[in-house]
Amino acid sequence: MRFLPWLSALLLLLAACSHAQSAPAPAVAQVVAEPAPPAPPAAAPEPVAARPPSELLPVSTYFDYDTSELTPAARAALQDFFDQAQARPDQDVRIEGNCDERGTTEYNLALGQRRADAAKKYLEDLGLDPARVSTISNGKERPRATGSDEAAWKENRRDDLIPTSKKVNVSSAADPASN
């Protein structure tokens, strides 16, 4: 009961504060600058010739001894090459299969061809147009590394993916009668 007068005074004070209050005193006059006129629209930029996509670079993929099975690293390299090739439809690719196995010339040519064909099939499965890809086997004829040790042999068990220009039928371009 002793707190009742205090509580009543507090409630009256809160009730008085909850009612609308008078407007604040007017602020000191401020100088307001006129808004600047909108800037004229910028002139359209000069057209820039479209830059050709970045150059398609040669790539090598490597194989284990005596196999044409693609390794995970070879698949990753082929995926990167495919991504670049999609941006450059003006370029074809030649896949050169190479090997340095200790077999006959015929065996090495056949193994190099199987390796090139494996890379071609992988690129086609990714969606590259088969007409853009050609294959050839070099067998042991074009070694990158010379030597008779594992490091040299490993370097030579590879496919080289080489960008080429689109094939142009020269006879039809030169002979208007053939068009």
Protein backbone atom coordinates (compact mmCIF):
# COMPACT_ATOMS: atom_id res chain seq x y z
CA MET A 1 0.00 0.00 0.00
CA ARG A 2 2.83 2.37 0.54
CA PHE A 3 3.67 2.17 -3.12
CA LEU A 4 0.18 2.98 -4.34
CA PRO A 5 0.65 6.79 -4.51
CA TRP A 6 3.92 6.33 -6.36
CA LEU A 7 2.41 3.82 -8.72
CA SER A 8 -0.52 6.13 -9.46
CA ALA A 9 1.85 9.02 -10.22
CA LEU A 10 3.92 6.83 -12.52
CA LEU A 11 0.83 5.65 -14.43
CA LEU A 12 -0.37 9.26 -14.85
CA LEU A 13 3.04 10.27 -16.15
CA LEU A 14 3.10 7.41 -18.65
CA ALA A 15 -0.42 8.20 -19.81
CA ALA A 16 0.51 11.83 -20.35
CA CYS A 17 3.56 10.84 -22.46
CA SER A 18 1.57 8.48 -24.64
CA HIS A 19 -0.66 11.26 -26.03
CA ALA A 20 0.24 13.26 -29.11
CA GLN A 21 3.00 15.67 -28.52
CA SER A 22 3.32 19.13 -29.90
CA ALA A 23 5.25 19.74 -33.10
CA PRO A 24 8.93 20.47 -32.68
CA ALA A 25 10.11 24.04 -32.91
CA PRO A 26 10.85 25.15 -36.47
CA ALA A 27 14.43 24.61 -37.52
CA VAL A 28 16.71 27.41 -38.50
CA ALA A 29 16.27 28.27 -42.15
CA GLN A 30 18.67 26.38 -44.37
CA VAL A 31 19.94 27.42 -47.74
CA VAL A 32 18.93 24.78 -50.22
CA ALA A 33 20.76 24.74 -53.52
CA GLU A 34 18.83 24.21 -56.69
CA PRO A 35 19.20 20.64 -57.89
CA ALA A 36 21.68 20.32 -60.73
CA PRO A 37 20.12 19.65 -64.11
CA PRO A 38 20.43 16.03 -65.15
CA ALA A 39 23.55 15.23 -67.13
CA PRO A 40 22.98 14.71 -70.83
CA PRO A 41 22.95 11.05 -71.79
CA ALA A 42 26.41 9.70 -72.50
CA ALA A 43 27.23 9.06 -76.10
CA ALA A 44 27.04 5.41 -77.08
CA PRO A 45 30.44 3.77 -76.92
CA GLU A 46 32.15 3.15 -80.20
CA PRO A 47 31.56 -0.39 -81.41
CA VAL A 48 34.51 -2.61 -80.75
CA ALA A 49 35.33 -5.47 -83.05
CA ALA A 50 34.56 -8.75 -81.36
CA ARG A 51 37.70 -10.33 -80.04
CA PRO A 52 38.23 -13.84 -81.26
CA PRO A 53 38.15 -16.43 -78.51
CA SER A 54 41.48 -17.34 -77.02
CA GLU A 55 43.71 -19.51 -79.15
CA LEU A 56 43.23 -23.27 -78.92
CA LEU A 57 46.54 -24.58 -77.58
CA PRO A 58 48.10 -27.99 -78.18
CA VAL A 59 47.75 -30.51 -75.37
CA SER A 60 49.37 -33.83 -74.58
CA THR A 61 47.76 -36.69 -72.69
CA TYR A 62 49.77 -39.56 -71.26
CA PHE A 63 49.17 -43.30 -70.98
CA ASP A 64 50.37 -46.12 -68.82
CA TYR A 65 52.63 -48.80 -70.28
CA ASP A 66 51.14 -50.94 -73.05
CA THR A 67 47.58 -49.62 -72.81
CA SER A 68 45.25 -47.23 -74.59
CA GLU A 69 43.05 -46.73 -71.52
CA LEU A 70 42.64 -43.08 -70.54
CA THR A 71 43.91 -42.18 -67.08
CA PRO A 72 41.98 -39.75 -64.86
CA ALA A 73 44.62 -37.09 -65.64
CA ALA A 74 44.17 -37.69 -69.39
CA ARG A 75 40.39 -37.36 -69.03
CA ALA A 76 40.80 -34.06 -67.17
CA ALA A 77 43.15 -32.73 -69.88
CA LEU A 78 40.70 -33.81 -72.59
CA GLN A 79 37.82 -32.11 -70.75
CA ASP A 80 39.79 -28.85 -70.61
CA PHE A 81 40.68 -29.19 -74.30
CA PHE A 82 37.02 -29.85 -75.16
CA ASP A 83 35.93 -26.71 -73.29
CA GLN A 84 38.43 -24.62 -75.27
CA ALA A 85 37.53 -26.31 -78.57
CA GLN A 86 33.84 -25.47 -78.06
CA ALA A 87 34.82 -21.78 -78.02
CA ARG A 88 36.82 -22.22 -81.25
CA PRO A 89 34.56 -23.88 -83.83
CA ASP A 90 36.87 -22.46 -86.50
CA GLN A 91 39.56 -24.97 -85.56
CA ASP A 92 39.76 -28.71 -86.02
CA VAL A 93 42.05 -31.01 -84.09
CA ARG A 94 44.50 -33.70 -85.13
CA ILE A 95 45.28 -36.34 -82.52
CA GLU A 96 48.68 -37.97 -82.96
CA GLY A 97 49.08 -41.22 -81.06
CA ASN A 98 52.62 -41.96 -79.96
CA CYS A 99 54.27 -44.76 -78.05
CA ASP A 100 57.63 -46.09 -77.06
CA GLU A 101 56.81 -49.65 -76.24
CA ARG A 102 59.36 -52.37 -76.77
CA GLY A 103 57.47 -54.13 -79.58
CA THR A 104 57.46 -54.36 -83.34
CA THR A 105 56.86 -51.37 -85.58
CA GLU A 106 53.41 -52.72 -86.45
CA TYR A 107 52.52 -53.23 -82.80
CA ASN A 108 53.59 -49.67 -81.91
CA LEU A 109 51.68 -48.16 -84.82
CA ALA A 110 48.55 -50.07 -83.79
CA LEU A 111 48.93 -49.04 -80.12
CA GLY A 112 49.45 -45.40 -81.11
CA GLN A 113 46.28 -45.57 -83.23
CA ARG A 114 44.27 -47.11 -80.37
CA ARG A 115 45.47 -44.31 -78.09
CA ALA A 116 44.49 -41.62 -80.61
CA ASP A 117 41.11 -43.29 -81.16
CA ALA A 118 40.49 -43.44 -77.38
CA ALA A 119 41.05 -39.68 -77.07
CA LYS A 120 38.86 -39.02 -80.12
CA LYS A 121 36.01 -41.14 -78.72
CA TYR A 122 36.23 -39.35 -75.38
CA LEU A 123 36.01 -35.93 -77.06
CA GLU A 124 33.07 -37.12 -79.19
CA ASP A 125 31.32 -38.46 -76.08
CA LEU A 126 31.71 -34.99 -74.55
CA GLY A 127 29.99 -33.54 -77.62
CA LEU A 128 32.75 -32.51 -80.02
CA ASP A 129 31.71 -32.91 -83.67
CA PRO A 130 33.51 -36.02 -85.05
CA ALA A 131 34.09 -34.19 -88.34
CA ARG A 132 36.45 -31.82 -86.49
CA VAL A 133 38.75 -34.59 -85.27
CA SER A 134 41.29 -36.63 -87.22
CA THR A 135 43.69 -39.23 -85.86
CA ILE A 136 47.05 -40.60 -86.87
CA SER A 137 49.56 -42.91 -85.29
CA ASN A 138 53.24 -42.09 -85.22
CA GLY A 139 54.21 -45.27 -83.41
CA LYS A 140 57.77 -44.78 -82.19
CA GLU A 141 58.69 -42.45 -85.05
CA ARG A 142 58.32 -39.11 -83.22
CA PRO A 143 59.69 -39.46 -79.70
CA ARG A 144 59.64 -36.35 -77.54
CA ALA A 145 62.30 -37.65 -75.20
CA THR A 146 65.34 -39.60 -76.22
CA GLY A 147 66.83 -42.17 -73.96
CA SER A 148 66.32 -45.71 -72.83
CA ASP A 149 64.99 -45.18 -69.33
CA GLU A 150 61.54 -45.10 -67.76
CA ALA A 151 61.38 -41.28 -67.74
CA ALA A 152 61.92 -41.10 -71.52
CA TRP A 153 59.52 -43.97 -72.23
CA LYS A 154 56.85 -42.38 -70.04
CA GLU A 155 57.18 -39.05 -71.89
CA ASN A 156 56.71 -40.82 -75.23
CA ARG A 157 53.54 -42.74 -74.25
CA ARG A 158 51.20 -39.93 -75.25
CA ASP A 159 48.64 -38.40 -77.55
CA ASP A 160 49.34 -34.94 -78.91
CA LEU A 161 46.19 -32.90 -79.63
CA ILE A 162 47.14 -30.32 -82.25
CA PRO A 163 44.73 -27.57 -83.35
CA THR A 164 44.44 -27.18 -87.12
CA SER A 165 42.58 -24.80 -89.38
CA LYS A 166 39.25 -25.86 -90.81
CA LYS A 167 39.59 -27.90 -93.96
CA VAL A 168 38.80 -25.88 -97.06
CA ASN A 169 37.94 -27.65 -100.26
CA VAL A 170 40.49 -25.90 -102.47
CA SER A 171 39.19 -27.36 -105.73
CA SER A 172 35.67 -26.06 -105.21
CA ALA A 173 36.89 -22.65 -104.01
CA ALA A 174 39.16 -22.23 -107.03
CA ASP A 175 36.78 -23.64 -109.63
CA PRO A 176 33.54 -21.64 -109.86
CA ALA A 177 32.05 -24.33 -112.13
CA SER A 178 32.16 -26.86 -109.29
CA ASN A 179 29.90 -24.71 -107.05
